[in-house]
Amino acid sequence: MRARGCLNTTVFLGFLALCFGLSSYFWFTFFVRGRSIGTPDLVGLTLAEARAISSDYGLTLELDPSNERHSDKVPPGSVVWQNRRPGTLVKRGTLIIVGASLGPLVLRVPEVAGQTPRTALLQLSRLNLRLGSVARFWSPGKNGIVATDPPVGSVVSPETPISILEALEASPARYVMPDLIEMDVNAVRTALEIRGLRVAQIRYEPYPGLPDGRIIRQSPVAGSPVSSREPIALVVSRLGEGEVETP
């Protein structure tokens, strides 16, 4: 009899525990979940539609400009992002933050004129474009990129290869400096300038035994390589000592 009484007591206590658990779950659902709502899916809606739905749910909507982003699927100005996942339980009055779509990302070939291929590659990479083929040609007085294919400003897709045409300044012609001593300075100067060589300085000094206008010293010296990049200096017999004429 005592064992049977203990069994009845155990069953009764178990029944009470079950009732308590069911009651707790019911009141939790009623007071907590019953007052919560699932976050609506606002992506793809216009801001007016999103505000209206949020208001119907008792939620507050706020547009965050810092969360604007490009999208190929969501029209410009519509909701492209929301801070709470759709279906997440929230209380009425909860703030829902959204970001607007900027529409599809429009990529245009950038201006790279005058740049080196290396610099252009960095600029193209930042725009999600690729460097295509590189063609080069010699051009006096020019250095750097002069054209692109597709042309600058063209609308292109991501990862489009952009080919470039680069101008390389031709190296100046080089000569062996002749022996100019005792030659007439005017004739020499004309001959040098015809070949693109630059007489940077003419210095006059008296020199016994030579008529005026004859070269008595030169720089570079005879036999040295010379081009338009190296200035030529001449010392000529004439005038008073120390007088200098710079062309």
C-alpha atoms as a PDB file:
ATOM      1  CA  MET A   1       0.000   0.000   0.000  1.00  0.00           C
ATOM      2  CA  ARG A   2       2.827   2.346   0.861  1.00  0.00           C
ATOM      3  CA  ALA A   3       4.520   1.698  -2.508  1.00  0.00           C
ATOM      4  CA  ARG A   4       1.262   2.383  -4.320  1.00  0.00           C
ATOM      5  CA  GLY A   5       0.876   5.665  -2.438  1.00  0.00           C
ATOM      6  CA  CYS A   6       4.371   6.716  -3.424  1.00  0.00           C
ATOM      7  CA  LEU A   7       3.633   5.933  -7.070  1.00  0.00           C
ATOM      8  CA  ASN A   8       0.460   8.034  -6.970  1.00  0.00           C
ATOM      9  CA  THR A   9       2.398  10.893  -5.440  1.00  0.00           C
ATOM     10  CA  THR A  10       5.057  10.672  -8.166  1.00  0.00           C
ATOM     11  CA  VAL A  11       2.439  10.656 -10.913  1.00  0.00           C
ATOM     12  CA  PHE A  12       0.689  13.618  -9.323  1.00  0.00           C
ATOM     13  CA  LEU A  13       3.922  15.604  -9.050  1.00  0.00           C
ATOM     14  CA  GLY A  14       4.764  14.812 -12.676  1.00  0.00           C
ATOM     15  CA  PHE A  15       1.296  15.948 -13.739  1.00  0.00           C
ATOM     16  CA  LEU A  16       1.789  19.230 -11.862  1.00  0.00           C
ATOM     17  CA  ALA A  17       5.182  19.775 -13.543  1.00  0.00           C
ATOM     18  CA  LEU A  18       3.657  19.181 -16.967  1.00  0.00           C
ATOM     19  CA  CYS A  19       0.832  21.602 -16.266  1.00  0.00           C
ATOM     20  CA  PHE A  20       3.308  24.218 -15.066  1.00  0.00           C
ATOM     21  CA  GLY A  21       5.451  23.814 -18.198  1.00  0.00           C
ATOM     22  CA  LEU A  22       2.468  24.065 -20.528  1.00  0.00           C
ATOM     23  CA  SER A  23       1.169  27.080 -18.651  1.00  0.00           C
ATOM     24  CA  SER A  24       4.554  28.823 -18.819  1.00  0.00           C
ATOM     25  CA  TYR A  25       4.850  28.189 -22.561  1.00  0.00           C
ATOM     26  CA  PHE A  26       1.296  29.451 -23.147  1.00  0.00           C
ATOM     27  CA  TRP A  27       1.813  32.683 -21.227  1.00  0.00           C
ATOM     28  CA  PHE A  28       5.239  33.239 -22.795  1.00  0.00           C
ATOM     29  CA  THR A  29       3.715  32.862 -26.249  1.00  0.00           C
ATOM     30  CA  PHE A  30       0.783  35.062 -25.376  1.00  0.00           C
ATOM     31  CA  PHE A  31       2.668  37.900 -23.714  1.00  0.00           C
ATOM     32  CA  VAL A  32       6.011  37.804 -25.562  1.00  0.00           C
ATOM     33  CA  ARG A  33       5.576  36.251 -28.969  1.00  0.00           C
ATOM     34  CA  GLY A  34       1.998  37.320 -29.138  1.00  0.00           C
ATOM     35  CA  ARG A  35       3.139  40.933 -29.043  1.00  0.00           C
ATOM     36  CA  SER A  36       6.039  40.395 -31.518  1.00  0.00           C
ATOM     37  CA  ILE A  37       5.741  40.495 -35.289  1.00  0.00           C
ATOM     38  CA  GLY A  38       7.867  39.170 -38.120  1.00  0.00           C
ATOM     39  CA  THR A  39       9.977  41.759 -39.936  1.00  0.00           C
ATOM     40  CA  PRO A  40       8.477  42.363 -43.373  1.00  0.00           C
ATOM     41  CA  ASP A  41      10.513  41.904 -46.538  1.00  0.00           C
ATOM     42  CA  LEU A  42      10.980  45.435 -47.906  1.00  0.00           C
ATOM     43  CA  VAL A  43      13.650  44.819 -50.548  1.00  0.00           C
ATOM     44  CA  GLY A  44      12.436  45.773 -54.004  1.00  0.00           C
ATOM     45  CA  LEU A  45       9.679  48.090 -52.734  1.00  0.00           C
ATOM     46  CA  THR A  46       9.616  51.812 -53.294  1.00  0.00           C
ATOM     47  CA  LEU A  47      10.272  53.924 -50.214  1.00  0.00           C
ATOM     48  CA  ALA A  48       6.599  54.947 -50.136  1.00  0.00           C
ATOM     49  CA  GLU A  49       5.496  51.302 -50.200  1.00  0.00           C
ATOM     50  CA  ALA A  50       8.058  50.339 -47.563  1.00  0.00           C
ATOM     51  CA  ARG A  51       6.906  53.166 -45.264  1.00  0.00           C
ATOM     52  CA  ALA A  52       3.255  52.185 -45.679  1.00  0.00           C
ATOM     53  CA  ILE A  53       3.896  48.508 -44.867  1.00  0.00           C
ATOM     54  CA  SER A  54       6.133  49.397 -41.921  1.00  0.00           C
ATOM     55  CA  SER A  55       3.406  51.680 -40.577  1.00  0.00           C
ATOM     56  CA  ASP A  56       0.821  48.888 -40.902  1.00  0.00           C
ATOM     57  CA  TYR A  57       3.114  46.630 -38.871  1.00  0.00           C
ATOM     58  CA  GLY A  58       3.634  49.331 -36.258  1.00  0.00           C
ATOM     59  CA  LEU A  59       7.294  49.714 -37.193  1.00  0.00           C
ATOM     60  CA  THR A  60       9.358  52.845 -37.818  1.00  0.00           C
ATOM     61  CA  LEU A  61      11.284  53.156 -41.086  1.00  0.00           C
ATOM     62  CA  GLU A  62      14.493  55.176 -41.537  1.00  0.00           C
ATOM     63  CA  LEU A  63      16.495  55.681 -44.748  1.00  0.00           C
ATOM     64  CA  ASP A  64      20.280  55.517 -44.289  1.00  0.00           C
ATOM     65  CA  PRO A  65      22.201  57.190 -47.170  1.00  0.00           C
ATOM     66  CA  SER A  66      25.413  55.443 -46.117  1.00  0.00           C
ATOM     67  CA  ASN A  67      23.873  52.100 -47.102  1.00  0.00           C
ATOM     68  CA  GLU A  68      23.034  53.048 -50.672  1.00  0.00           C
ATOM     69  CA  ARG A  69      24.434  50.550 -53.149  1.00  0.00           C
ATOM     70  CA  HIS A  70      24.335  49.607 -56.819  1.00  0.00           C
ATOM     71  CA  SER A  71      22.025  46.815 -57.950  1.00  0.00           C
ATOM     72  CA  ASP A  72      21.180  45.266 -61.320  1.00  0.00           C
ATOM     73  CA  LYS A  73      17.836  43.942 -59.962  1.00  0.00           C
ATOM     74  CA  VAL A  74      16.407  46.726 -57.791  1.00  0.00           C
ATOM     75  CA  PRO A  75      15.320  49.965 -59.539  1.00  0.00           C
ATOM     76  CA  PRO A  76      16.997  53.213 -58.434  1.00  0.00           C
ATOM     77  CA  GLY A  77      15.398  54.699 -55.323  1.00  0.00           C
ATOM     78  CA  SER A  78      13.793  51.436 -54.147  1.00  0.00           C
ATOM     79  CA  VAL A  79      14.851  49.510 -51.041  1.00  0.00           C
ATOM     80  CA  VAL A  80      17.943  47.412 -51.714  1.00  0.00           C
ATOM     81  CA  TRP A  81      19.002  46.641 -48.118  1.00  0.00           C
ATOM     82  CA  GLN A  82      17.419  46.399 -44.670  1.00  0.00           C
ATOM     83  CA  ASN A  83      19.109  45.962 -41.322  1.00  0.00           C
ATOM     84  CA  ARG A  84      16.825  43.152 -40.113  1.00  0.00           C
ATOM     85  CA  ARG A  85      16.329  39.884 -41.920  1.00  0.00           C
ATOM     86  CA  PRO A  86      12.731  39.323 -43.124  1.00  0.00           C
ATOM     87  CA  GLY A  87      10.794  37.168 -40.663  1.00  0.00           C
ATOM     88  CA  THR A  88      12.881  38.153 -37.643  1.00  0.00           C
ATOM     89  CA  LEU A  89      10.630  38.722 -34.611  1.00  0.00           C
ATOM     90  CA  VAL A  90      10.605  42.334 -33.437  1.00  0.00           C
ATOM     91  CA  LYS A  91       8.492  44.464 -31.110  1.00  0.00           C
ATOM     92  CA  ARG A  92       6.085  47.021 -32.439  1.00  0.00           C
ATOM     93  CA  GLY A  93       7.789  50.397 -32.658  1.00  0.00           C
ATOM     94  CA  THR A  94      11.116  48.828 -33.660  1.00  0.00           C
ATOM     95  CA  LEU A  95      13.253  50.939 -35.987  1.00  0.00           C
ATOM     96  CA  ILE A  96      13.920  49.355 -39.382  1.00  0.00           C
ATOM     97  CA  ILE A  97      16.834  50.931 -41.276  1.00  0.00           C
ATOM     98  CA  VAL A  98      16.920  50.612 -45.065  1.00  0.00           C
ATOM     99  CA  GLY A  99      19.241  51.631 -47.905  1.00  0.00           C
ATOM    100  CA  ALA A 100      18.169  52.767 -51.370  1.00  0.00           C
ATOM    101  CA  SER A 101      19.311  51.331 -54.703  1.00  0.00           C
ATOM    102  CA  LEU A 102      21.563  53.380 -56.970  1.00  0.00           C
ATOM    103  CA  GLY A 103      20.612  51.230 -59.939  1.00  0.00           C
ATOM    104  CA  PRO A 104      23.105  49.322 -62.100  1.00  0.00           C
ATOM    105  CA  LEU A 105      26.747  50.310 -61.823  1.00  0.00           C
ATOM    106  CA  VAL A 106      27.739  52.224 -64.973  1.00  0.00           C
ATOM    107  CA  LEU A 107      31.414  51.762 -65.836  1.00  0.00           C
ATOM    108  CA  ARG A 108      33.119  54.114 -68.280  1.00  0.00           C
ATOM    109  CA  VAL A 109      36.607  53.936 -69.726  1.00  0.00           C
ATOM    110  CA  PRO A 110      38.634  56.481 -67.689  1.00  0.00           C
ATOM    111  CA  GLU A 111      40.938  59.182 -69.010  1.00  0.00           C
ATOM    112  CA  VAL A 112      44.489  57.790 -68.988  1.00  0.00           C
ATOM    113  CA  ALA A 113      46.177  60.065 -71.541  1.00  0.00           C
ATOM    114  CA  GLY A 114      49.816  60.741 -70.720  1.00  0.00           C
ATOM    115  CA  GLN A 115      50.024  57.966 -68.145  1.00  0.00           C
ATOM    116  CA  THR A 116      52.312  54.948 -68.232  1.00  0.00           C
ATOM    117  CA  PRO A 117      50.764  51.477 -68.676  1.00  0.00           C
ATOM    118  CA  ARG A 118      51.591  50.706 -65.028  1.00  0.00           C
ATOM    119  CA  THR A 119      49.687  53.756 -63.756  1.00  0.00           C
ATOM    120  CA  ALA A 120      46.782  53.021 -66.109  1.00  0.00           C
ATOM    121  CA  LEU A 121      46.648  49.424 -64.840  1.00  0.00           C
ATOM    122  CA  LEU A 122      46.193  50.619 -61.255  1.00  0.00           C
ATOM    123  CA  GLN A 123      43.415  53.006 -62.282  1.00  0.00           C
ATOM    124  CA  LEU A 124      41.616  50.338 -64.338  1.00  0.00           C
ATOM    125  CA  SER A 125      41.883  47.806 -61.512  1.00  0.00           C
ATOM    126  CA  ARG A 126      40.164  50.189 -59.093  1.00  0.00           C
ATOM    127  CA  LEU A 127      37.242  50.358 -61.550  1.00  0.00           C
ATOM    128  CA  ASN A 128      37.073  46.558 -61.957  1.00  0.00           C
ATOM    129  CA  LEU A 129      38.446  46.793 -65.494  1.00  0.00           C
ATOM    130  CA  ARG A 130      41.410  44.946 -67.012  1.00  0.00           C
ATOM    131  CA  LEU A 131      44.385  46.087 -69.061  1.00  0.00           C
ATOM    132  CA  GLY A 132      44.232  44.599 -72.552  1.00  0.00           C
ATOM    133  CA  SER A 133      46.913  44.696 -75.237  1.00  0.00           C
ATOM    134  CA  VAL A 134      49.579  47.427 -75.266  1.00  0.00           C
ATOM    135  CA  ALA A 135      50.833  48.829 -78.596  1.00  0.00           C
ATOM    136  CA  ARG A 136      53.755  51.261 -78.789  1.00  0.00           C
ATOM    137  CA  PHE A 137      55.226  53.586 -81.390  1.00  0.00           C
ATOM    138  CA  TRP A 138      58.097  56.072 -81.517  1.00  0.00           C
ATOM    139  CA  SER A 139      57.060  59.709 -81.524  1.00  0.00           C
ATOM    140  CA  PRO A 140      59.287  62.799 -81.170  1.00  0.00           C
ATOM    141  CA  GLY A 141      58.210  64.977 -78.270  1.00  0.00           C
ATOM    142  CA  LYS A 142      55.560  62.578 -76.947  1.00  0.00           C
ATOM    143  CA  ASN A 143      55.568  60.145 -74.064  1.00  0.00           C
ATOM    144  CA  GLY A 144      52.718  58.147 -72.476  1.00  0.00           C
ATOM    145  CA  ILE A 145      49.328  56.771 -73.484  1.00  0.00           C
ATOM    146  CA  VAL A 146      47.680  58.585 -76.388  1.00  0.00           C
ATOM    147  CA  ALA A 147      44.580  56.427 -77.064  1.00  0.00           C
ATOM    148  CA  THR A 148      42.453  53.564 -75.697  1.00  0.00           C
ATOM    149  CA  ASP A 149      40.166  50.918 -77.186  1.00  0.00           C
ATOM    150  CA  PRO A 150      37.267  51.256 -76.334  1.00  0.00           C
ATOM    151  CA  PRO A 151      37.648  55.060 -76.394  1.00  0.00           C
ATOM    152  CA  VAL A 152      37.628  57.167 -73.209  1.00  0.00           C
ATOM    153  CA  GLY A 153      34.098  57.636 -71.850  1.00  0.00           C
ATOM    154  CA  SER A 154      32.671  54.463 -73.419  1.00  0.00           C
ATOM    155  CA  VAL A 155      30.237  52.490 -71.227  1.00  0.00           C
ATOM    156  CA  VAL A 156      31.668  49.023 -70.590  1.00  0.00           C
ATOM    157  CA  SER A 157      30.949  45.958 -68.477  1.00  0.00           C
ATOM    158  CA  PRO A 158      33.018  44.886 -65.448  1.00  0.00           C
ATOM    159  CA  GLU A 159      36.250  43.050 -66.305  1.00  0.00           C
ATOM    160  CA  THR A 160      36.327  44.539 -69.828  1.00  0.00           C
ATOM    161  CA  PRO A 161      39.905  44.579 -71.205  1.00  0.00           C
ATOM    162  CA  ILE A 162      41.010  48.076 -72.191  1.00  0.00           C
ATOM    163  CA  SER A 163      43.736  48.168 -74.859  1.00  0.00           C
ATOM    164  CA  ILE A 164      46.096  51.147 -74.973  1.00  0.00           C
ATOM    165  CA  LEU A 165      48.375  52.867 -77.465  1.00  0.00           C
ATOM    166  CA  GLU A 166      51.552  54.292 -75.933  1.00  0.00           C
ATOM    167  CA  ALA A 167      53.852  56.846 -77.509  1.00  0.00           C
ATOM    168  CA  LEU A 168      57.563  56.569 -76.769  1.00  0.00           C
ATOM    169  CA  GLU A 169      59.766  59.582 -77.314  1.00  0.00           C
ATOM    170  CA  ALA A 170      62.395  58.697 -79.881  1.00  0.00           C
ATOM    171  CA  SER A 171      65.990  58.930 -78.728  1.00  0.00           C
ATOM    172  CA  PRO A 172      67.756  61.886 -80.339  1.00  0.00           C
ATOM    173  CA  ALA A 173      70.279  61.249 -83.076  1.00  0.00           C
ATOM    174  CA  ARG A 174      73.837  61.055 -81.796  1.00  0.00           C
ATOM    175  CA  TYR A 175      76.909  62.402 -83.549  1.00  0.00           C
ATOM    176  CA  VAL A 176      80.649  62.400 -83.041  1.00  0.00           C
ATOM    177  CA  MET A 177      81.711  65.916 -82.143  1.00  0.00           C
ATOM    178  CA  PRO A 178      83.938  67.267 -84.942  1.00  0.00           C
ATOM    179  CA  ASP A 179      87.069  69.334 -84.518  1.00  0.00           C
ATOM    180  CA  LEU A 180      85.864  72.941 -84.772  1.00  0.00           C
ATOM    181  CA  ILE A 181      89.091  74.729 -83.928  1.00  0.00           C
ATOM    182  CA  GLU A 182      89.863  77.726 -86.192  1.00  0.00           C
ATOM    183  CA  MET A 183      86.537  77.335 -88.022  1.00  0.00           C
ATOM    184  CA  ASP A 184      84.187  80.274 -88.552  1.00  0.00           C
ATOM    185  CA  VAL A 185      81.680  80.388 -85.696  1.00  0.00           C
ATOM    186  CA  ASN A 186      78.718  81.459 -87.825  1.00  0.00           C
ATOM    187  CA  ALA A 187      79.164  78.650 -90.337  1.00  0.00           C
ATOM    188  CA  VAL A 188      79.686  76.107 -87.543  1.00  0.00           C
ATOM    189  CA  ARG A 189      76.659  77.286 -85.623  1.00  0.00           C
ATOM    190  CA  THR A 190      74.430  76.963 -88.680  1.00  0.00           C
ATOM    191  CA  ALA A 191      75.726  73.466 -89.455  1.00  0.00           C
ATOM    192  CA  LEU A 192      75.196  72.297 -85.873  1.00  0.00           C
ATOM    193  CA  GLU A 193      71.660  73.664 -85.615  1.00  0.00           C
ATOM    194  CA  ILE A 194      70.670  72.020 -88.926  1.00  0.00           C
ATOM    195  CA  ARG A 195      71.479  68.696 -87.255  1.00  0.00           C
ATOM    196  CA  GLY A 196      69.446  69.544 -84.156  1.00  0.00           C
ATOM    197  CA  LEU A 197      72.446  70.297 -81.975  1.00  0.00           C
ATOM    198  CA  ARG A 198      72.233  73.217 -79.572  1.00  0.00           C
ATOM    199  CA  VAL A 199      74.931  75.866 -79.134  1.00  0.00           C
ATOM    200  CA  ALA A 200      74.189  76.935 -75.583  1.00  0.00           C
ATOM    201  CA  GLN A 201      77.023  79.434 -75.053  1.00  0.00           C
ATOM    202  CA  ILE A 202      79.515  81.442 -77.065  1.00  0.00           C
ATOM    203  CA  ARG A 203      82.364  83.144 -75.223  1.00  0.00           C
ATOM    204  CA  TYR A 204      84.643  85.696 -76.881  1.00  0.00           C
ATOM    205  CA  GLU A 205      88.321  86.084 -76.095  1.00  0.00           C
ATOM    206  CA  PRO A 206      91.178  87.849 -77.880  1.00  0.00           C
ATOM    207  CA  TYR A 207      93.536  85.450 -79.618  1.00  0.00           C
ATOM    208  CA  PRO A 208      96.635  86.747 -81.399  1.00  0.00           C
ATOM    209  CA  GLY A 209      97.154  85.481 -84.918  1.00  0.00           C
ATOM    210  CA  LEU A 210      93.487  84.627 -85.618  1.00  0.00           C
ATOM    211  CA  PRO A 211      90.863  86.831 -87.185  1.00  0.00           C
ATOM    212  CA  ASP A 212      87.633  87.576 -85.354  1.00  0.00           C
ATOM    213  CA  GLY A 213      84.990  84.874 -85.279  1.00  0.00           C
ATOM    214  CA  ARG A 214      87.283  81.839 -85.210  1.00  0.00           C
ATOM    215  CA  ILE A 215      86.693  79.033 -82.701  1.00  0.00           C
ATOM    216  CA  ILE A 216      89.597  78.580 -80.302  1.00  0.00           C
ATOM    217  CA  ARG A 217      88.075  76.127 -77.775  1.00  0.00           C
ATOM    218  CA  GLN A 218      85.055  73.832 -77.777  1.00  0.00           C
ATOM    219  CA  SER A 219      83.026  71.678 -75.381  1.00  0.00           C
ATOM    220  CA  PRO A 220      82.459  68.776 -75.840  1.00  0.00           C
ATOM    221  CA  VAL A 221      85.900  68.155 -77.271  1.00  0.00           C
ATOM    222  CA  ALA A 222      86.402  66.626 -80.705  1.00  0.00           C
ATOM    223  CA  GLY A 223      85.567  62.904 -80.845  1.00  0.00           C
ATOM    224  CA  SER A 224      82.994  63.010 -77.991  1.00  0.00           C
ATOM    225  CA  PRO A 225      79.426  61.715 -78.571  1.00  0.00           C
ATOM    226  CA  VAL A 226      76.909  64.543 -78.745  1.00  0.00           C
ATOM    227  CA  SER A 227      73.142  64.905 -79.262  1.00  0.00           C
ATOM    228  CA  SER A 228      70.460  67.575 -78.885  1.00  0.00           C
ATOM    229  CA  ARG A 229      70.427  66.863 -75.151  1.00  0.00           C
ATOM    230  CA  GLU A 230      74.048  67.959 -74.643  1.00  0.00           C
ATOM    231  CA  PRO A 231      74.680  71.727 -74.740  1.00  0.00           C
ATOM    232  CA  ILE A 232      77.637  72.913 -76.816  1.00  0.00           C
ATOM    233  CA  ALA A 233      79.899  75.735 -75.618  1.00  0.00           C
ATOM    234  CA  LEU A 234      82.334  77.602 -77.872  1.00  0.00           C
ATOM    235  CA  VAL A 235      85.113  80.078 -77.207  1.00  0.00           C
ATOM    236  CA  VAL A 236      85.632  82.443 -80.148  1.00  0.00           C
ATOM    237  CA  SER A 237      88.336  84.965 -81.007  1.00  0.00           C
ATOM    238  CA  ARG A 238      86.919  88.471 -80.858  1.00  0.00           C
ATOM    239  CA  LEU A 239      85.891  91.318 -78.593  1.00  0.00           C
ATOM    240  CA  GLY A 240      87.414  92.034 -75.219  1.00  0.00           C
ATOM    241  CA  GLU A 241      88.461  89.386 -72.745  1.00  0.00           C
ATOM    242  CA  GLY A 242      85.709  88.187 -70.466  1.00  0.00           C
ATOM    243  CA  GLU A 243      82.761  89.289 -72.632  1.00  0.00           C
ATOM    244  CA  VAL A 244      80.125  86.594 -73.043  1.00  0.00           C
ATOM    245  CA  GLU A 245      77.301  86.233 -75.544  1.00  0.00           C
ATOM    246  CA  THR A 246      74.549  83.710 -74.843  1.00  0.00           C
ATOM    247  CA  PRO A 247      72.335  82.922 -77.837  1.00  0.00           C
END
